[in-house]
């Protein structure tokens, strides 16, 4: 394959990635599903966009919620606003820039590869596979059993984000891109659409970052957020250490997982991911008080 042909296909694959990811990127601060709230939240960061009104999520069964969210996700690119187009460009730039260094990054990682690094890579690999699904499934069951609504929400949002990101978007992009894996020896620009190449993007990185995004969005403790993102980062590293993915595959997968995970949480519990200084008015016996969070 001629080099310029490979670069052209790289750009097409990157564009397809961000097109499918754009609902999660552009709507990460969009309007929530309405419902009763114990306090009236006000944030210093206004929303970029607003979705059509929905019934409170509690009135729907979980399957109906998933179907509704999937429709919103897949039709999202039709409603991109200015912030969405900006993030579209940033996503394409991130994947494209990383792809320019795919070969050198691979060489550096493979030069440092050892029996010990392979062993550790195999140990952390479940975090992007069954381990991630077991975690969110266990959180859902444990949350329902103990009455811990936040833990249950982590489970429900994690399952949904995993389904959308790692079960639908990434497999579709893999089929469209048809990129050869690094260990095939064809170089980073070998794309054969619809021929079974499964390197771009990384499915395991997608899964790991989807779960990490959900956990982080529902957590206020810095150490929990750090542990979640750190575990996802290890999954990205192990895929490159085992020579199964290029660095740009990992970046693409992480964008899909993190973007869709945050979007799912925001649709059902937006206050957990709002950034910056926030304040809320909470009723008390003597009147009201202002609560500050950041």
C-alpha atoms as a PDB file:
ATOM      1  CA  UNK A   1       0.000   0.000   0.000  1.00  0.00           C
ATOM      2  CA  UNK A   2       1.290   3.432  -0.894  1.00  0.00           C
ATOM      3  CA  UNK A   3       2.080   5.704   2.096  1.00  0.00           C
ATOM      4  CA  UNK A   4      -0.201   8.539   0.967  1.00  0.00           C
ATOM      5  CA  UNK A   5      -3.083   6.045   0.656  1.00  0.00           C
ATOM      6  CA  UNK A   6      -2.468   4.885   4.215  1.00  0.00           C
ATOM      7  CA  UNK A   7      -2.494   8.432   5.575  1.00  0.00           C
ATOM      8  CA  UNK A   8      -5.720   9.161   3.727  1.00  0.00           C
ATOM      9  CA  UNK A   9      -7.404   6.135   5.272  1.00  0.00           C
ATOM     10  CA  UNK A  10      -6.048   7.135   8.686  1.00  0.00           C
ATOM     11  CA  UNK A  11      -7.822  10.488   8.356  1.00  0.00           C
ATOM     12  CA  UNK A  12     -11.055   8.849   7.241  1.00  0.00           C
ATOM     13  CA  UNK A  13     -10.977   6.468  10.192  1.00  0.00           C
ATOM     14  CA  UNK A  14     -10.302   9.332  12.599  1.00  0.00           C
ATOM     15  CA  UNK A  15     -13.209  11.312  11.182  1.00  0.00           C
ATOM     16  CA  UNK A  16     -15.520   8.324  11.567  1.00  0.00           C
ATOM     17  CA  UNK A  17     -14.370   7.948  15.155  1.00  0.00           C
ATOM     18  CA  UNK A  18     -15.220  11.480  16.191  1.00  0.00           C
ATOM     19  CA  UNK A  19     -18.503  11.453  14.254  1.00  0.00           C
ATOM     20  CA  UNK A  20     -19.669   8.501  16.314  1.00  0.00           C
ATOM     21  CA  UNK A  21     -18.190   9.939  19.495  1.00  0.00           C
ATOM     22  CA  UNK A  22     -19.561  13.444  19.027  1.00  0.00           C
ATOM     23  CA  UNK A  23     -22.760  12.966  21.074  1.00  0.00           C
ATOM     24  CA  UNK A  24     -20.708  12.126  24.121  1.00  0.00           C
ATOM     25  CA  UNK A  25     -18.250  14.955  23.539  1.00  0.00           C
ATOM     26  CA  UNK A  26     -20.685  17.704  22.642  1.00  0.00           C
ATOM     27  CA  UNK A  27     -23.407  16.857  25.118  1.00  0.00           C
ATOM     28  CA  UNK A  28     -21.352  16.194  28.216  1.00  0.00           C
ATOM     29  CA  UNK A  29     -22.859  19.356  29.706  1.00  0.00           C
ATOM     30  CA  UNK A  30     -26.318  19.129  28.166  1.00  0.00           C
ATOM     31  CA  UNK A  31     -29.640  19.326  29.984  1.00  0.00           C
ATOM     32  CA  UNK A  32     -30.462  16.464  32.384  1.00  0.00           C
ATOM     33  CA  UNK A  33     -33.494  14.297  32.497  1.00  0.00           C
ATOM     34  CA  UNK A  34     -35.952  16.221  34.688  1.00  0.00           C
ATOM     35  CA  UNK A  35     -36.949  14.805  38.023  1.00  0.00           C
ATOM     36  CA  UNK A  36     -37.338  15.665  41.706  1.00  0.00           C
ATOM     37  CA  UNK A  37     -34.259  17.060  43.442  1.00  0.00           C
ATOM     38  CA  UNK A  38     -33.761  17.590  47.195  1.00  0.00           C
ATOM     39  CA  UNK A  39     -31.941  20.874  46.510  1.00  0.00           C
ATOM     40  CA  UNK A  40     -31.911  23.398  43.692  1.00  0.00           C
ATOM     41  CA  UNK A  41     -28.447  23.220  42.085  1.00  0.00           C
ATOM     42  CA  UNK A  42     -26.818  26.168  40.375  1.00  0.00           C
ATOM     43  CA  UNK A  43     -23.445  25.876  38.633  1.00  0.00           C
ATOM     44  CA  UNK A  44     -20.946  28.479  37.503  1.00  0.00           C
ATOM     45  CA  UNK A  45     -20.594  26.658  34.168  1.00  0.00           C
ATOM     46  CA  UNK A  46     -23.734  27.014  32.019  1.00  0.00           C
ATOM     47  CA  UNK A  47     -24.711  24.210  29.694  1.00  0.00           C
ATOM     48  CA  UNK A  48     -23.655  24.339  26.044  1.00  0.00           C
ATOM     49  CA  UNK A  49     -26.747  22.688  24.684  1.00  0.00           C
ATOM     50  CA  UNK A  50     -30.147  21.445  25.693  1.00  0.00           C
ATOM     51  CA  UNK A  51     -31.857  18.233  24.748  1.00  0.00           C
ATOM     52  CA  UNK A  52     -35.553  17.684  24.372  1.00  0.00           C
ATOM     53  CA  UNK A  53     -37.451  17.019  27.564  1.00  0.00           C
ATOM     54  CA  UNK A  54     -37.637  13.453  28.821  1.00  0.00           C
ATOM     55  CA  UNK A  55     -39.715  11.795  31.445  1.00  0.00           C
ATOM     56  CA  UNK A  56     -37.884  11.052  34.702  1.00  0.00           C
ATOM     57  CA  UNK A  57     -35.677   8.025  34.217  1.00  0.00           C
ATOM     58  CA  UNK A  58     -37.275   6.281  37.168  1.00  0.00           C
ATOM     59  CA  UNK A  59     -40.540   5.914  35.240  1.00  0.00           C
ATOM     60  CA  UNK A  60     -38.891   3.734  32.626  1.00  0.00           C
ATOM     61  CA  UNK A  61     -37.695   0.181  32.864  1.00  0.00           C
ATOM     62  CA  UNK A  62     -33.967  -0.178  32.352  1.00  0.00           C
ATOM     63  CA  UNK A  63     -34.301  -1.661  28.835  1.00  0.00           C
ATOM     64  CA  UNK A  64     -36.498   1.270  27.775  1.00  0.00           C
ATOM     65  CA  UNK A  65     -33.971   3.687  29.219  1.00  0.00           C
ATOM     66  CA  UNK A  66     -31.180   2.018  27.229  1.00  0.00           C
ATOM     67  CA  UNK A  67     -33.163   2.161  23.992  1.00  0.00           C
ATOM     68  CA  UNK A  68     -33.994   5.834  24.561  1.00  0.00           C
ATOM     69  CA  UNK A  69     -30.372   6.687  25.322  1.00  0.00           C
ATOM     70  CA  UNK A  70     -29.094   4.729  22.331  1.00  0.00           C
ATOM     71  CA  UNK A  71     -31.399   6.665  20.016  1.00  0.00           C
ATOM     72  CA  UNK A  72     -30.166   9.949  21.506  1.00  0.00           C
ATOM     73  CA  UNK A  73     -26.546   8.856  21.121  1.00  0.00           C
ATOM     74  CA  UNK A  74     -26.800   7.766  17.504  1.00  0.00           C
ATOM     75  CA  UNK A  75     -28.746  10.827  16.398  1.00  0.00           C
ATOM     76  CA  UNK A  76     -26.500  13.211  18.319  1.00  0.00           C
ATOM     77  CA  UNK A  77     -24.226  14.200  15.405  1.00  0.00           C
ATOM     78  CA  UNK A  78     -27.231  15.856  13.772  1.00  0.00           C
ATOM     79  CA  UNK A  79     -27.448  18.302  16.672  1.00  0.00           C
ATOM     80  CA  UNK A  80     -23.847  19.407  17.143  1.00  0.00           C
ATOM     81  CA  UNK A  81     -23.449  22.951  18.421  1.00  0.00           C
ATOM     82  CA  UNK A  82     -20.384  25.199  18.326  1.00  0.00           C
ATOM     83  CA  UNK A  83     -18.766  23.436  21.265  1.00  0.00           C
ATOM     84  CA  UNK A  84     -19.445  20.112  19.587  1.00  0.00           C
ATOM     85  CA  UNK A  85     -17.702  21.129  16.378  1.00  0.00           C
ATOM     86  CA  UNK A  86     -14.776  22.409  18.414  1.00  0.00           C
ATOM     87  CA  UNK A  87     -14.459  19.097  20.188  1.00  0.00           C
ATOM     88  CA  UNK A  88     -14.881  17.299  16.880  1.00  0.00           C
ATOM     89  CA  UNK A  89     -11.734  19.015  15.665  1.00  0.00           C
ATOM     90  CA  UNK A  90      -9.867  18.316  18.881  1.00  0.00           C
ATOM     91  CA  UNK A  91     -10.753  14.631  18.691  1.00  0.00           C
ATOM     92  CA  UNK A  92      -9.570  14.298  15.114  1.00  0.00           C
ATOM     93  CA  UNK A  93      -6.381  16.198  15.979  1.00  0.00           C
ATOM     94  CA  UNK A  94      -5.641  13.980  19.000  1.00  0.00           C
ATOM     95  CA  UNK A  95      -5.973  10.751  17.032  1.00  0.00           C
ATOM     96  CA  UNK A  96      -4.197  12.119  13.983  1.00  0.00           C
ATOM     97  CA  UNK A  97      -1.281  13.564  15.955  1.00  0.00           C
ATOM     98  CA  UNK A  98      -0.791  10.342  17.875  1.00  0.00           C
ATOM     99  CA  UNK A  99      -0.846   8.308  14.673  1.00  0.00           C
ATOM    100  CA  UNK A 100       2.173  10.268  13.441  1.00  0.00           C
ATOM    101  CA  UNK A 101       4.197   8.755  16.296  1.00  0.00           C
ATOM    102  CA  UNK A 102       2.713   5.240  16.258  1.00  0.00           C
ATOM    103  CA  UNK A 103       5.850   3.566  14.952  1.00  0.00           C
ATOM    104  CA  UNK A 104       8.272   5.283  17.323  1.00  0.00           C
ATOM    105  CA  UNK A 105       6.042   4.706  20.349  1.00  0.00           C
ATOM    106  CA  UNK A 106       5.742   1.042  19.454  1.00  0.00           C
ATOM    107  CA  UNK A 107       9.526   0.736  19.077  1.00  0.00           C
ATOM    108  CA  UNK A 108      10.177   2.309  22.484  1.00  0.00           C
ATOM    109  CA  UNK A 109       7.651   0.099  24.260  1.00  0.00           C
ATOM    110  CA  UNK A 110       8.811  -3.090  22.565  1.00  0.00           C
ATOM    111  CA  UNK A 111      12.456  -2.265  23.378  1.00  0.00           C
ATOM    112  CA  UNK A 112      11.509  -2.231  27.054  1.00  0.00           C
ATOM    113  CA  UNK A 113       9.358  -5.339  26.887  1.00  0.00           C
ATOM    114  CA  UNK A 114      10.321  -8.234  29.132  1.00  0.00           C
ATOM    115  CA  UNK A 115       8.956 -11.408  30.640  1.00  0.00           C
ATOM    116  CA  UNK A 116       8.011  -9.411  33.719  1.00  0.00           C
ATOM    117  CA  UNK A 117       6.175  -6.727  31.748  1.00  0.00           C
ATOM    118  CA  UNK A 118       4.283  -9.405  29.828  1.00  0.00           C
ATOM    119  CA  UNK A 119       3.271 -11.089  33.056  1.00  0.00           C
ATOM    120  CA  UNK A 120       2.035  -7.824  34.523  1.00  0.00           C
ATOM    121  CA  UNK A 121       0.219  -6.976  31.276  1.00  0.00           C
ATOM    122  CA  UNK A 122      -1.664 -10.271  31.392  1.00  0.00           C
ATOM    123  CA  UNK A 123      -2.529  -9.623  35.043  1.00  0.00           C
ATOM    124  CA  UNK A 124      -4.134  -6.233  34.337  1.00  0.00           C
ATOM    125  CA  UNK A 125      -5.787  -7.221  31.054  1.00  0.00           C
ATOM    126  CA  UNK A 126      -9.089  -8.335  32.693  1.00  0.00           C
ATOM    127  CA  UNK A 127      -9.653  -4.684  33.666  1.00  0.00           C
ATOM    128  CA  UNK A 128     -10.558  -4.110  30.027  1.00  0.00           C
ATOM    129  CA  UNK A 129     -12.519  -7.334  29.659  1.00  0.00           C
ATOM    130  CA  UNK A 130     -14.626  -9.442  31.996  1.00  0.00           C
ATOM    131  CA  UNK A 131     -13.169  -7.731  35.073  1.00  0.00           C
ATOM    132  CA  UNK A 132     -14.698  -4.383  34.123  1.00  0.00           C
ATOM    133  CA  UNK A 133     -18.085  -5.958  33.420  1.00  0.00           C
ATOM    134  CA  UNK A 134     -17.931  -7.927  36.661  1.00  0.00           C
ATOM    135  CA  UNK A 135     -17.184  -4.721  38.550  1.00  0.00           C
ATOM    136  CA  UNK A 136     -20.133  -2.727  37.209  1.00  0.00           C
ATOM    137  CA  UNK A 137     -22.439  -5.721  37.468  1.00  0.00           C
ATOM    138  CA  UNK A 138     -21.366  -6.311  41.057  1.00  0.00           C
ATOM    139  CA  UNK A 139     -21.824  -2.633  41.887  1.00  0.00           C
ATOM    140  CA  UNK A 140     -25.367  -2.758  40.525  1.00  0.00           C
ATOM    141  CA  UNK A 141     -26.285  -5.852  42.545  1.00  0.00           C
ATOM    142  CA  UNK A 142     -24.583  -4.625  45.719  1.00  0.00           C
ATOM    143  CA  UNK A 143     -26.141  -1.178  45.401  1.00  0.00           C
ATOM    144  CA  UNK A 144     -29.644  -2.579  45.047  1.00  0.00           C
ATOM    145  CA  UNK A 145     -29.105  -5.055  47.874  1.00  0.00           C
ATOM    146  CA  UNK A 146     -27.801  -2.454  50.339  1.00  0.00           C
ATOM    147  CA  UNK A 147     -29.931   0.482  49.257  1.00  0.00           C
ATOM    148  CA  UNK A 148     -26.845   2.416  48.122  1.00  0.00           C
ATOM    149  CA  UNK A 149     -28.277   4.411  45.206  1.00  0.00           C
ATOM    150  CA  UNK A 150     -24.908   5.821  44.118  1.00  0.00           C
ATOM    151  CA  UNK A 151     -23.342   2.358  43.912  1.00  0.00           C
ATOM    152  CA  UNK A 152     -26.340   1.069  41.981  1.00  0.00           C
ATOM    153  CA  UNK A 153     -26.084   4.050  39.608  1.00  0.00           C
ATOM    154  CA  UNK A 154     -22.425   3.229  38.949  1.00  0.00           C
ATOM    155  CA  UNK A 155     -23.497  -0.266  37.969  1.00  0.00           C
ATOM    156  CA  UNK A 156     -26.402   0.795  35.764  1.00  0.00           C
ATOM    157  CA  UNK A 157     -24.476   3.573  34.034  1.00  0.00           C
ATOM    158  CA  UNK A 158     -21.407   1.371  33.685  1.00  0.00           C
ATOM    159  CA  UNK A 159     -23.334  -1.428  32.006  1.00  0.00           C
ATOM    160  CA  UNK A 160     -24.995   1.008  29.615  1.00  0.00           C
ATOM    161  CA  UNK A 161     -21.773   2.846  28.780  1.00  0.00           C
ATOM    162  CA  UNK A 162     -19.998  -0.466  28.169  1.00  0.00           C
ATOM    163  CA  UNK A 163     -22.778  -1.614  25.863  1.00  0.00           C
ATOM    164  CA  UNK A 164     -22.740   1.571  23.812  1.00  0.00           C
ATOM    165  CA  UNK A 165     -18.995   2.177  23.687  1.00  0.00           C
ATOM    166  CA  UNK A 166     -17.410  -1.277  23.667  1.00  0.00           C
ATOM    167  CA  UNK A 167     -20.372  -3.224  22.338  1.00  0.00           C
ATOM    168  CA  UNK A 168     -21.567  -0.989  19.489  1.00  0.00           C
ATOM    169  CA  UNK A 169     -19.395   2.002  18.561  1.00  0.00           C
ATOM    170  CA  UNK A 170     -15.934   0.430  18.744  1.00  0.00           C
ATOM    171  CA  UNK A 171     -16.818  -2.826  16.931  1.00  0.00           C
ATOM    172  CA  UNK A 172     -18.448  -0.763  14.177  1.00  0.00           C
ATOM    173  CA  UNK A 173     -15.335   1.381  13.811  1.00  0.00           C
ATOM    174  CA  UNK A 174     -13.099  -1.692  13.783  1.00  0.00           C
ATOM    175  CA  UNK A 175     -15.063  -3.034  10.829  1.00  0.00           C
ATOM    176  CA  UNK A 176     -15.000   0.305   9.005  1.00  0.00           C
ATOM    177  CA  UNK A 177     -11.267   0.916   9.543  1.00  0.00           C
ATOM    178  CA  UNK A 178      -9.934  -2.610   9.009  1.00  0.00           C
ATOM    179  CA  UNK A 179      -6.563  -1.644  10.465  1.00  0.00           C
ATOM    180  CA  UNK A 180      -3.866  -4.289  10.847  1.00  0.00           C
ATOM    181  CA  UNK A 181      -2.472  -4.925  14.313  1.00  0.00           C
ATOM    182  CA  UNK A 182       1.161  -4.012  15.053  1.00  0.00           C
ATOM    183  CA  UNK A 183       2.271  -7.630  15.376  1.00  0.00           C
ATOM    184  CA  UNK A 184       1.077  -8.296  11.809  1.00  0.00           C
ATOM    185  CA  UNK A 185       4.173  -6.458  10.584  1.00  0.00           C
ATOM    186  CA  UNK A 186       2.341  -4.306   8.024  1.00  0.00           C
ATOM    187  CA  UNK A 187       3.094  -0.924   9.597  1.00  0.00           C
ATOM    188  CA  UNK A 188       0.793   1.661  11.154  1.00  0.00           C
ATOM    189  CA  UNK A 189      -0.850   2.767   7.894  1.00  0.00           C
ATOM    190  CA  UNK A 190      -2.212  -0.583   6.726  1.00  0.00           C
ATOM    191  CA  UNK A 191      -5.999  -0.142   6.446  1.00  0.00           C
ATOM    192  CA  UNK A 192      -8.313  -2.520   4.603  1.00  0.00           C
ATOM    193  CA  UNK A 193     -11.903  -1.520   5.388  1.00  0.00           C
ATOM    194  CA  UNK A 194     -14.430  -4.305   5.956  1.00  0.00           C
ATOM    195  CA  UNK A 195     -11.825  -7.066   5.775  1.00  0.00           C
ATOM    196  CA  UNK A 196     -11.644  -8.007   9.452  1.00  0.00           C
ATOM    197  CA  UNK A 197      -8.738  -5.869  10.667  1.00  0.00           C
ATOM    198  CA  UNK A 198      -9.418  -5.210  14.339  1.00  0.00           C
ATOM    199  CA  UNK A 199      -6.746  -2.835  15.587  1.00  0.00           C
ATOM    200  CA  UNK A 200      -8.501   0.555  15.387  1.00  0.00           C
ATOM    201  CA  UNK A 201      -9.756   1.439  17.918  1.00  0.00           C
ATOM    202  CA  UNK A 202      -8.869  -0.650  20.965  1.00  0.00           C
ATOM    203  CA  UNK A 203     -11.933  -2.384  22.377  1.00  0.00           C
ATOM    204  CA  UNK A 204     -10.344  -3.110  25.732  1.00  0.00           C
ATOM    205  CA  UNK A 205      -9.220   0.493  26.158  1.00  0.00           C
ATOM    206  CA  UNK A 206     -12.749   1.566  25.260  1.00  0.00           C
ATOM    207  CA  UNK A 207     -14.226  -0.689  27.944  1.00  0.00           C
ATOM    208  CA  UNK A 208     -11.734   0.352  30.606  1.00  0.00           C
ATOM    209  CA  UNK A 209     -12.163   4.083  30.002  1.00  0.00           C
ATOM    210  CA  UNK A 210     -15.949   3.810  29.843  1.00  0.00           C
ATOM    211  CA  UNK A 211     -16.043   2.258  33.310  1.00  0.00           C
ATOM    212  CA  UNK A 212     -13.399   4.658  34.630  1.00  0.00           C
ATOM    213  CA  UNK A 213     -15.407   7.629  33.381  1.00  0.00           C
ATOM    214  CA  UNK A 214     -18.572   6.395  35.088  1.00  0.00           C
ATOM    215  CA  UNK A 215     -16.808   5.676  38.376  1.00  0.00           C
ATOM    216  CA  UNK A 216     -15.052   9.043  38.337  1.00  0.00           C
ATOM    217  CA  UNK A 217     -18.259  10.912  37.534  1.00  0.00           C
ATOM    218  CA  UNK A 218     -20.044   9.357  40.500  1.00  0.00           C
ATOM    219  CA  UNK A 219     -17.172   9.859  42.950  1.00  0.00           C
ATOM    220  CA  UNK A 220     -16.052  12.908  44.922  1.00  0.00           C
ATOM    221  CA  UNK A 221     -12.914  11.339  46.418  1.00  0.00           C
ATOM    222  CA  UNK A 222      -9.778  12.199  44.463  1.00  0.00           C
ATOM    223  CA  UNK A 223      -8.148   8.841  45.195  1.00  0.00           C
ATOM    224  CA  UNK A 224     -11.091   6.947  43.686  1.00  0.00           C
ATOM    225  CA  UNK A 225     -10.968   9.073  40.553  1.00  0.00           C
ATOM    226  CA  UNK A 226      -7.214   8.560  40.322  1.00  0.00           C
ATOM    227  CA  UNK A 227      -7.502   4.803  40.797  1.00  0.00           C
ATOM    228  CA  UNK A 228     -10.189   4.543  38.122  1.00  0.00           C
ATOM    229  CA  UNK A 229      -8.250   6.494  35.507  1.00  0.00           C
ATOM    230  CA  UNK A 230      -4.991   4.827  36.495  1.00  0.00           C
ATOM    231  CA  UNK A 231      -6.486   1.355  35.981  1.00  0.00           C
ATOM    232  CA  UNK A 232      -7.779   2.398  32.566  1.00  0.00           C
ATOM    233  CA  UNK A 233      -4.364   3.760  31.653  1.00  0.00           C
ATOM    234  CA  UNK A 234      -2.773   0.430  32.566  1.00  0.00           C
ATOM    235  CA  UNK A 235      -5.118  -1.324  30.159  1.00  0.00           C
ATOM    236  CA  UNK A 236      -3.966   1.001  27.388  1.00  0.00           C
ATOM    237  CA  UNK A 237      -0.345   0.288  28.235  1.00  0.00           C
ATOM    238  CA  UNK A 238      -0.781  -3.474  28.330  1.00  0.00           C
ATOM    239  CA  UNK A 239      -2.342  -3.520  24.851  1.00  0.00           C
ATOM    240  CA  UNK A 240       0.742  -1.777  23.492  1.00  0.00           C
ATOM    241  CA  UNK A 241       3.140  -3.863  25.555  1.00  0.00           C
ATOM    242  CA  UNK A 242       1.635  -7.048  24.122  1.00  0.00           C
ATOM    243  CA  UNK A 243       1.968  -5.462  20.654  1.00  0.00           C
ATOM    244  CA  UNK A 244      -1.747  -5.734  19.912  1.00  0.00           C
ATOM    245  CA  UNK A 245      -2.493  -2.054  19.373  1.00  0.00           C
ATOM    246  CA  UNK A 246      -0.929   1.162  18.126  1.00  0.00           C
ATOM    247  CA  UNK A 247      -0.900   4.192  20.385  1.00  0.00           C
ATOM    248  CA  UNK A 248      -3.542   5.918  18.238  1.00  0.00           C
ATOM    249  CA  UNK A 249      -5.798   2.884  18.721  1.00  0.00           C
ATOM    250  CA  UNK A 250      -5.569   3.483  22.463  1.00  0.00           C
ATOM    251  CA  UNK A 251      -6.279   7.210  22.157  1.00  0.00           C
ATOM    252  CA  UNK A 252      -9.311   6.497  19.976  1.00  0.00           C
ATOM    253  CA  UNK A 253     -10.635   3.866  22.381  1.00  0.00           C
ATOM    254  CA  UNK A 254     -10.102   6.079  25.411  1.00  0.00           C
ATOM    255  CA  UNK A 255     -11.983   8.965  23.750  1.00  0.00           C
ATOM    256  CA  UNK A 256     -14.915   6.724  22.900  1.00  0.00           C
ATOM    257  CA  UNK A 257     -15.094   5.143  26.354  1.00  0.00           C
ATOM    258  CA  UNK A 258     -14.595   8.313  28.383  1.00  0.00           C
ATOM    259  CA  UNK A 259     -16.881  10.426  26.210  1.00  0.00           C
ATOM    260  CA  UNK A 260     -19.789   8.006  26.165  1.00  0.00           C
ATOM    261  CA  UNK A 261     -19.369   7.096  29.839  1.00  0.00           C
ATOM    262  CA  UNK A 262     -19.580  10.742  30.879  1.00  0.00           C
ATOM    263  CA  UNK A 263     -22.530  11.316  28.556  1.00  0.00           C
ATOM    264  CA  UNK A 264     -24.512   8.409  30.026  1.00  0.00           C
ATOM    265  CA  UNK A 265     -23.953   9.620  33.584  1.00  0.00           C
ATOM    266  CA  UNK A 266     -24.848  13.177  32.661  1.00  0.00           C
ATOM    267  CA  UNK A 267     -28.182  12.165  31.162  1.00  0.00           C
ATOM    268  CA  UNK A 268     -29.286  10.584  34.419  1.00  0.00           C
ATOM    269  CA  UNK A 269     -27.348  12.308  37.184  1.00  0.00           C
ATOM    270  CA  UNK A 270     -25.683  15.443  35.781  1.00  0.00           C
ATOM    271  CA  UNK A 271     -24.717  16.960  39.102  1.00  0.00           C
ATOM    272  CA  UNK A 272     -22.114  14.243  39.617  1.00  0.00           C
ATOM    273  CA  UNK A 273     -19.958  15.465  36.736  1.00  0.00           C
ATOM    274  CA  UNK A 274     -20.436  19.200  36.793  1.00  0.00           C
ATOM    275  CA  UNK A 275     -17.077  20.919  37.058  1.00  0.00           C
ATOM    276  CA  UNK A 276     -15.956  24.119  38.727  1.00  0.00           C
ATOM    277  CA  UNK A 277     -17.473  25.915  41.671  1.00  0.00           C
ATOM    278  CA  UNK A 278     -21.139  25.106  42.284  1.00  0.00           C
ATOM    279  CA  UNK A 279     -23.641  26.298  44.813  1.00  0.00           C
ATOM    280  CA  UNK A 280     -27.075  25.083  45.818  1.00  0.00           C
ATOM    281  CA  UNK A 281     -29.905  26.289  48.010  1.00  0.00           C
ATOM    282  CA  UNK A 282     -31.049  23.680  50.513  1.00  0.00           C
ATOM    283  CA  UNK A 283     -34.148  24.111  52.730  1.00  0.00           C
ATOM    284  CA  UNK A 284     -33.669  23.973  56.521  1.00  0.00           C
ATOM    285  CA  UNK A 285     -35.929  24.309  59.556  1.00  0.00           C
ATOM    286  CA  UNK A 286     -34.975  27.963  59.925  1.00  0.00           C
ATOM    287  CA  UNK A 287     -35.204  28.831  56.262  1.00  0.00           C
ATOM    288  CA  UNK A 288     -32.488  27.928  53.770  1.00  0.00           C
ATOM    289  CA  UNK A 289     -28.732  27.551  53.504  1.00  0.00           C
ATOM    290  CA  UNK A 290     -26.265  27.775  50.655  1.00  0.00           C
ATOM    291  CA  UNK A 291     -24.108  24.710  49.994  1.00  0.00           C
ATOM    292  CA  UNK A 292     -20.839  25.129  48.083  1.00  0.00           C
ATOM    293  CA  UNK A 293     -19.167  22.247  46.220  1.00  0.00           C
ATOM    294  CA  UNK A 294     -16.139  22.107  43.950  1.00  0.00           C
END
